[in-house]
PDB file of all heavy atoms in Angstrom:
ATOM      1  N   HIS A   1      27.578   8.189  71.321  1.00  0.00           N
ATOM      2  CA  HIS A   1      28.296   9.459  71.731  1.00  0.00           C
ATOM      3  C   HIS A   1      29.593   9.424  71.014  1.00  0.00           C
ATOM      4  O   HIS A   1      30.178  10.597  70.994  1.00  0.00           O
ATOM      5  CB  HIS A   1      28.576   9.339  73.204  1.00  0.00           C
ATOM      6  CG  HIS A   1      27.266   9.198  73.963  1.00  0.00           C
ATOM      7  ND1 HIS A   1      27.013   8.024  74.836  1.00  0.00           N
ATOM      8  CD2 HIS A   1      26.147   9.935  73.955  1.00  0.00           C
ATOM      9  CE1 HIS A   1      25.791   8.249  75.301  1.00  0.00           C
ATOM     10  NE2 HIS A   1      25.178   9.321  74.780  1.00  0.00           N
ATOM     11  N   GLU A   2      30.211   8.389  70.498  1.00  0.00           N
ATOM     12  CA  GLU A   2      31.542   8.299  69.781  1.00  0.00           C
ATOM     13  C   GLU A   2      31.351   9.080  68.427  1.00  0.00           C
ATOM     14  O   GLU A   2      32.375   9.395  67.977  1.00  0.00           O
ATOM     15  CB  GLU A   2      32.023   6.839  69.589  1.00  0.00           C
ATOM     16  CG  GLU A   2      31.252   6.115  68.462  1.00  0.00           C
ATOM     17  CD  GLU A   2      29.781   5.638  68.886  1.00  0.00           C
ATOM     18  OE1 GLU A   2      29.442   5.784  69.962  1.00  0.00           O
ATOM     19  OE2 GLU A   2      29.092   5.069  67.930  1.00  0.00           O
ATOM     20  N   ARG A   3      30.197   9.370  67.926  1.00  0.00           N
ATOM     21  CA  ARG A   3      30.098  10.112  66.768  1.00  0.00           C
ATOM     22  C   ARG A   3      30.363  11.576  66.906  1.00  0.00           C
ATOM     23  O   ARG A   3      30.396  12.247  65.973  1.00  0.00           O
ATOM     24  CB  ARG A   3      28.749   9.977  66.199  1.00  0.00           C
ATOM     25  CG  ARG A   3      28.278   8.520  65.893  1.00  0.00           C
ATOM     26  CD  ARG A   3      29.196   7.886  64.804  1.00  0.00           C
ATOM     27  NE  ARG A   3      28.735   6.695  64.365  1.00  0.00           N
ATOM     28  CZ  ARG A   3      29.513   5.699  63.740  1.00  0.00           C
ATOM     29  NH1 ARG A   3      30.689   6.130  63.473  1.00  0.00           N
ATOM     30  NH2 ARG A   3      29.141   4.497  63.368  1.00  0.00           N
ATOM     31  N   LEU A   4      30.503  12.095  68.285  1.00  0.00           N
ATOM     32  CA  LEU A   4      30.703  13.416  68.337  1.00  0.00           C
ATOM     33  C   LEU A   4      32.146  13.767  68.320  1.00  0.00           C
ATOM     34  O   LEU A   4      32.878  13.582  69.238  1.00  0.00           O
ATOM     35  CB  LEU A   4      30.167  13.903  69.756  1.00  0.00           C
ATOM     36  CG  LEU A   4      28.656  13.702  69.935  1.00  0.00           C
ATOM     37  CD1 LEU A   4      28.283  13.703  71.492  1.00  0.00           C
ATOM     38  CD2 LEU A   4      27.857  14.927  69.399  1.00  0.00           C
ATOM     39  N   GLN A   5      32.610  14.289  67.158  1.00  0.00           N
ATOM     40  CA  GLN A   5      34.039  14.534  66.894  1.00  0.00           C
ATOM     41  C   GLN A   5      34.293  16.033  66.805  1.00  0.00           C
ATOM     42  O   GLN A   5      33.496  16.828  66.253  1.00  0.00           O
ATOM     43  CB  GLN A   5      34.380  13.841  65.586  1.00  0.00           C
ATOM     44  CG  GLN A   5      34.126  12.402  65.393  1.00  0.00           C
ATOM     45  CD  GLN A   5      35.111  11.615  66.360  1.00  0.00           C
ATOM     46  OE1 GLN A   5      36.201  11.941  66.491  1.00  0.00           O
ATOM     47  NE2 GLN A   5      34.463  10.632  67.049  1.00  0.00           N
ATOM     48  N   ILE A   6      35.374  16.445  67.445  1.00  0.00           N
ATOM     49  CA  ILE A   6      35.810  17.815  67.396  1.00  0.00           C
ATOM     50  C   ILE A   6      36.738  18.075  66.234  1.00  0.00           C
ATOM     51  O   ILE A   6      37.614  17.342  66.305  1.00  0.00           O
ATOM     52  CB  ILE A   6      36.288  18.314  68.674  1.00  0.00           C
ATOM     53  CG1 ILE A   6      35.126  18.266  69.820  1.00  0.00           C
ATOM     54  CG2 ILE A   6      36.818  19.721  68.657  1.00  0.00           C
ATOM     55  CD1 ILE A   6      35.520  18.764  71.203  1.00  0.00           C
ATOM     56  N   GLU A   7      36.414  18.975  65.390  1.00  0.00           N
ATOM     57  CA  GLU A   7      37.322  19.257  64.189  1.00  0.00           C
ATOM     58  C   GLU A   7      37.624  20.697  64.069  1.00  0.00           C
ATOM     59  O   GLU A   7      36.885  21.492  64.594  1.00  0.00           O
ATOM     60  CB  GLU A   7      36.652  18.727  62.985  1.00  0.00           C
ATOM     61  CG  GLU A   7      36.346  17.239  63.006  1.00  0.00           C
ATOM     62  CD  GLU A   7      35.606  16.730  61.676  1.00  0.00           C
ATOM     63  OE1 GLU A   7      35.355  17.614  60.854  1.00  0.00           O
ATOM     64  OE2 GLU A   7      35.290  15.510  61.593  1.00  0.00           O
ATOM     65  N   GLU A   8      38.722  20.939  63.472  1.00  0.00           N
ATOM     66  CA  GLU A   8      39.068  22.424  63.125  1.00  0.00           C
ATOM     67  C   GLU A   8      38.448  22.815  61.742  1.00  0.00           C
ATOM     68  O   GLU A   8      38.254  22.047  60.932  1.00  0.00           O
ATOM     69  CB  GLU A   8      40.520  22.544  63.175  1.00  0.00           C
ATOM     70  CG  GLU A   8      41.138  22.368  64.464  1.00  0.00           C
ATOM     71  CD  GLU A   8      42.630  22.779  64.479  1.00  0.00           C
ATOM     72  OE1 GLU A   8      43.126  22.951  63.350  1.00  0.00           O
ATOM     73  OE2 GLU A   8      43.263  22.926  65.510  1.00  0.00           O
ATOM     74  N   ALA A   9      38.118  24.093  61.679  1.00  0.00           N
ATOM     75  CA  ALA A   9      37.554  24.615  60.390  1.00  0.00           C
ATOM     76  C   ALA A   9      37.910  26.054  60.240  1.00  0.00           C
ATOM     77  O   ALA A   9      38.372  26.739  61.248  1.00  0.00           O
ATOM     78  CB  ALA A   9      36.017  24.592  60.477  1.00  0.00           C
ATOM     79  N   PRO A  10      37.927  26.668  59.043  1.00  0.00           N
ATOM     80  CA  PRO A  10      38.237  28.021  58.700  1.00  0.00           C
ATOM     81  C   PRO A  10      37.321  28.979  59.634  1.00  0.00           C
ATOM     82  O   PRO A  10      36.171  28.696  59.781  1.00  0.00           O
ATOM     83  CB  PRO A  10      38.000  28.195  57.326  1.00  0.00           C
ATOM     84  CG  PRO A  10      37.992  26.805  56.757  1.00  0.00           C
ATOM     85  CD  PRO A  10      37.506  25.920  57.804  1.00  0.00           C
ATOM     86  N   THR A  11      37.942  30.088  59.912  1.00  0.00           N
ATOM     87  CA  THR A  11      37.105  31.093  60.770  1.00  0.00           C
ATOM     88  C   THR A  11      36.044  31.668  59.735  1.00  0.00           C
ATOM     89  O   THR A  11      36.437  32.179  58.603  1.00  0.00           O
ATOM     90  CB  THR A  11      38.035  32.150  61.049  1.00  0.00           C
ATOM     91  OG1 THR A  11      38.945  31.680  61.992  1.00  0.00           O
ATOM     92  CG2 THR A  11      37.187  33.378  61.724  1.00  0.00           C
ATOM     93  N   PRO A  12      34.724  31.676  60.126  1.00  0.00           N
ATOM     94  CA  PRO A  12      33.774  32.147  59.304  1.00  0.00           C
ATOM     95  C   PRO A  12      33.677  33.680  59.199  1.00  0.00           C
ATOM     96  O   PRO A  12      34.117  34.374  60.138  1.00  0.00           O
ATOM     97  CB  PRO A  12      32.349  31.603  59.925  1.00  0.00           C
ATOM     98  CG  PRO A  12      32.720  31.525  61.249  1.00  0.00           C
ATOM     99  CD  PRO A  12      34.294  31.164  61.382  1.00  0.00           C
ATOM    100  N   THR A  13      33.178  34.089  58.070  1.00  0.00           N
ATOM    101  CA  THR A  13      33.207  35.571  57.746  1.00  0.00           C
ATOM    102  C   THR A  13      31.664  36.002  57.639  1.00  0.00           C
ATOM    103  O   THR A  13      31.018  35.372  56.913  1.00  0.00           O
ATOM    104  CB  THR A  13      33.925  36.021  56.585  1.00  0.00           C
ATOM    105  OG1 THR A  13      35.223  35.525  56.662  1.00  0.00           O
ATOM    106  CG2 THR A  13      33.923  37.447  56.310  1.00  0.00           C
ATOM    107  N   PRO A  14      31.116  36.983  58.401  1.00  0.00           N
ATOM    108  CA  PRO A  14      29.712  37.347  58.264  1.00  0.00           C
ATOM    109  C   PRO A  14      29.543  38.026  56.978  1.00  0.00           C
ATOM    110  O   PRO A  14      30.296  38.886  56.539  1.00  0.00           O
ATOM    111  CB  PRO A  14      29.607  38.330  59.363  1.00  0.00           C
ATOM    112  CG  PRO A  14      30.940  38.827  59.724  1.00  0.00           C
ATOM    113  CD  PRO A  14      31.952  37.661  59.377  1.00  0.00           C
ATOM    114  N   GLY A  15      28.402  37.760  56.323  1.00  0.00           N
ATOM    115  CA  GLY A  15      27.838  38.531  55.224  1.00  0.00           C
ATOM    116  C   GLY A  15      26.927  39.699  55.533  1.00  0.00           C
ATOM    117  O   GLY A  15      26.810  39.938  56.754  1.00  0.00           O
ATOM    118  N   PRO A  16      26.443  40.296  54.670  1.00  0.00           N
ATOM    119  CA  PRO A  16      25.452  41.340  54.976  1.00  0.00           C
ATOM    120  C   PRO A  16      24.289  40.845  55.952  1.00  0.00           C
ATOM    121  O   PRO A  16      23.703  39.769  55.765  1.00  0.00           O
ATOM    122  CB  PRO A  16      24.905  41.763  53.547  1.00  0.00           C
ATOM    123  CG  PRO A  16      25.787  41.276  52.569  1.00  0.00           C
ATOM    124  CD  PRO A  16      26.425  40.064  53.190  1.00  0.00           C
ATOM    125  N   GLY A  17      23.934  41.775  56.920  1.00  0.00           N
ATOM    126  CA  GLY A  17      23.018  41.344  57.860  1.00  0.00           C
ATOM    127  C   GLY A  17      23.389  40.386  58.901  1.00  0.00           C
ATOM    128  O   GLY A  17      22.596  39.939  59.671  1.00  0.00           O
ATOM    129  N   GLU A  18      24.708  40.066  58.916  1.00  0.00           N
ATOM    130  CA  GLU A  18      25.076  38.947  59.771  1.00  0.00           C
ATOM    131  C   GLU A  18      26.100  39.428  60.839  1.00  0.00           C
ATOM    132  O   GLU A  18      26.747  40.510  60.641  1.00  0.00           O
ATOM    133  CB  GLU A  18      25.788  37.767  59.062  1.00  0.00           C
ATOM    134  CG  GLU A  18      24.753  36.984  58.090  1.00  0.00           C
ATOM    135  CD  GLU A  18      25.426  35.920  57.373  1.00  0.00           C
ATOM    136  OE1 GLU A  18      26.662  36.065  57.033  1.00  0.00           O
ATOM    137  OE2 GLU A  18      24.610  34.852  57.068  1.00  0.00           O
ATOM    138  N   LEU A  19      26.296  38.680  61.893  1.00  0.00           N
ATOM    139  CA  LEU A  19      27.355  39.052  63.003  1.00  0.00           C
ATOM    140  C   LEU A  19      28.067  37.689  63.150  1.00  0.00           C
ATOM    141  O   LEU A  19      27.579  36.604  62.972  1.00  0.00           O
ATOM    142  CB  LEU A  19      26.675  39.270  64.293  1.00  0.00           C
ATOM    143  CG  LEU A  19      25.906  40.511  64.463  1.00  0.00           C
ATOM    144  CD1 LEU A  19      25.208  40.522  65.806  1.00  0.00           C
ATOM    145  CD2 LEU A  19      26.762  41.814  64.196  1.00  0.00           C
ATOM    146  N   ARG A  20      29.441  37.806  63.529  1.00  0.00           N
ATOM    147  CA  ARG A  20      30.232  36.707  63.977  1.00  0.00           C
ATOM    148  C   ARG A  20      30.331  36.780  65.565  1.00  0.00           C
ATOM    149  O   ARG A  20      30.718  37.853  66.016  1.00  0.00           O
ATOM    150  CB  ARG A  20      31.580  36.586  63.322  1.00  0.00           C
ATOM    151  CG  ARG A  20      32.353  35.248  63.769  1.00  0.00           C
ATOM    152  CD  ARG A  20      33.681  35.135  63.002  1.00  0.00           C
ATOM    153  NE  ARG A  20      34.689  36.247  63.579  1.00  0.00           N
ATOM    154  CZ  ARG A  20      35.418  36.821  62.706  1.00  0.00           C
ATOM    155  NH1 ARG A  20      35.473  36.590  61.551  1.00  0.00           N
ATOM    156  NH2 ARG A  20      36.284  37.781  63.295  1.00  0.00           N
ATOM    157  N   ILE A  21      30.031  35.734  66.104  1.00  0.00           N
ATOM    158  CA  ILE A  21      30.283  35.671  67.560  1.00  0.00           C
ATOM    159  C   ILE A  21      31.356  34.711  68.053  1.00  0.00           C
ATOM    160  O   ILE A  21      31.478  33.553  67.440  1.00  0.00           O
ATOM    161  CB  ILE A  21      28.946  35.097  68.272  1.00  0.00           C
ATOM    162  CG1 ILE A  21      27.760  35.976  67.941  1.00  0.00           C
ATOM    163  CG2 ILE A  21      29.044  34.991  69.727  1.00  0.00           C
ATOM    164  CD1 ILE A  21      26.383  35.467  68.304  1.00  0.00           C
ATOM    165  N   ASP A  22      32.166  35.183  68.786  1.00  0.00           N
ATOM    166  CA  ASP A  22      33.202  34.322  69.358  1.00  0.00           C
ATOM    167  C   ASP A  22      32.566  33.708  70.616  1.00  0.00           C
ATOM    168  O   ASP A  22      32.102  34.240  71.749  1.00  0.00           O
ATOM    169  CB  ASP A  22      34.471  35.156  69.995  1.00  0.00           C
ATOM    170  CG  ASP A  22      35.296  35.581  68.779  1.00  0.00           C
ATOM    171  OD1 ASP A  22      35.111  35.046  67.681  1.00  0.00           O
ATOM    172  OD2 ASP A  22      36.179  36.334  69.140  1.00  0.00           O
ATOM    173  N   VAL A  23      32.199  32.341  70.536  1.00  0.00           N
ATOM    174  CA  VAL A  23      31.352  31.621  71.379  1.00  0.00           C
ATOM    175  C   VAL A  23      32.004  31.356  72.566  1.00  0.00           C
ATOM    176  O   VAL A  23      33.176  30.692  72.638  1.00  0.00           O
ATOM    177  CB  VAL A  23      30.793  30.340  70.687  1.00  0.00           C
ATOM    178  CG1 VAL A  23      29.935  29.601  71.686  1.00  0.00           C
ATOM    179  CG2 VAL A  23      29.989  30.778  69.561  1.00  0.00           C
ATOM    180  N   ALA A  24      31.380  31.555  73.750  1.00  0.00           N
ATOM    181  CA  ALA A  24      31.990  31.159  75.146  1.00  0.00           C
ATOM    182  C   ALA A  24      31.165  30.024  75.700  1.00  0.00           C
ATOM    183  O   ALA A  24      31.784  29.252  76.480  1.00  0.00           O
ATOM    184  CB  ALA A  24      31.850  32.437  76.057  1.00  0.00           C
ATOM    185  N   ALA A  25      30.052  29.943  75.368  1.00  0.00           N
ATOM    186  CA  ALA A  25      29.134  28.884  76.027  1.00  0.00           C
ATOM    187  C   ALA A  25      27.941  28.488  75.001  1.00  0.00           C
ATOM    188  O   ALA A  25      27.586  29.299  74.285  1.00  0.00           O
ATOM    189  CB  ALA A  25      28.392  29.337  77.236  1.00  0.00           C
ATOM    190  N   ILE A  26      27.745  27.196  75.089  1.00  0.00           N
ATOM    191  CA  ILE A  26      26.701  26.690  74.076  1.00  0.00           C
ATOM    192  C   ILE A  26      25.713  25.806  74.838  1.00  0.00           C
ATOM    193  O   ILE A  26      25.963  25.015  75.719  1.00  0.00           O
ATOM    194  CB  ILE A  26      27.437  25.490  73.190  1.00  0.00           C
ATOM    195  CG1 ILE A  26      28.598  26.239  72.426  1.00  0.00           C
ATOM    196  CG2 ILE A  26      26.515  24.932  72.193  1.00  0.00           C
ATOM    197  CD1 ILE A  26      29.705  25.339  71.972  1.00  0.00           C
ATOM    198  N   GLY A  27      24.354  26.172  74.679  1.00  0.00           N
ATOM    199  CA  GLY A  27      23.296  25.440  75.297  1.00  0.00           C
ATOM    200  C   GLY A  27      23.216  23.929  74.634  1.00  0.00           C
ATOM    201  O   GLY A  27      23.324  23.793  73.474  1.00  0.00           O
ATOM    202  N   VAL A  28      22.992  22.981  75.555  1.00  0.00           N
ATOM    203  CA  VAL A  28      22.806  21.614  75.115  1.00  0.00           C
ATOM    204  C   VAL A  28      21.307  21.313  75.402  1.00  0.00           C
ATOM    205  O   VAL A  28      20.747  21.530  76.435  1.00  0.00           O
ATOM    206  CB  VAL A  28      23.677  20.642  75.934  1.00  0.00           C
ATOM    207  CG1 VAL A  28      23.438  19.094  75.385  1.00  0.00           C
ATOM    208  CG2 VAL A  28      25.084  21.006  75.842  1.00  0.00           C
ATOM    209  N   ASN A  29      20.668  20.849  74.291  1.00  0.00           N
ATOM    210  CA  ASN A  29      19.293  20.348  74.336  1.00  0.00           C
ATOM    211  C   ASN A  29      19.107  18.969  73.904  1.00  0.00           C
ATOM    212  O   ASN A  29      19.900  18.369  73.278  1.00  0.00           O
ATOM    213  CB  ASN A  29      18.522  21.219  73.372  1.00  0.00           C
ATOM    214  CG  ASN A  29      18.506  22.653  73.761  1.00  0.00           C
ATOM    215  OD1 ASN A  29      17.811  23.118  74.717  1.00  0.00           O
ATOM    216  ND2 ASN A  29      19.300  23.554  73.060  1.00  0.00           N
ATOM    217  N   TYR A  30      18.021  18.345  74.440  1.00  0.00           N
ATOM    218  CA  TYR A  30      17.793  16.970  74.065  1.00  0.00           C
ATOM    219  C   TYR A  30      17.688  16.756  72.591  1.00  0.00           C
ATOM    220  O   TYR A  30      17.970  15.676  72.037  1.00  0.00           O
ATOM    221  CB  TYR A  30      16.487  16.462  74.676  1.00  0.00           C
ATOM    222  CG  TYR A  30      16.390  14.991  74.873  1.00  0.00           C
ATOM    223  CD1 TYR A  30      16.941  14.145  75.708  1.00  0.00           C
ATOM    224  CD2 TYR A  30      15.611  14.233  73.815  1.00  0.00           C
ATOM    225  CE1 TYR A  30      16.978  12.867  75.741  1.00  0.00           C
ATOM    226  CE2 TYR A  30      15.521  12.942  73.854  1.00  0.00           C
ATOM    227  CZ  TYR A  30      16.183  12.259  74.765  1.00  0.00           C
ATOM    228  OH  TYR A  30      16.081  10.835  74.751  1.00  0.00           O
TER     229      TYR A  30
END
């Protein structure tokens, strides 16, 4: 679990045919 590191990164820009989502919630799967 210690490998899960939170880092900052540049804001991504959508290309043609894409959307950017401001994420409020993230599903966790096995």
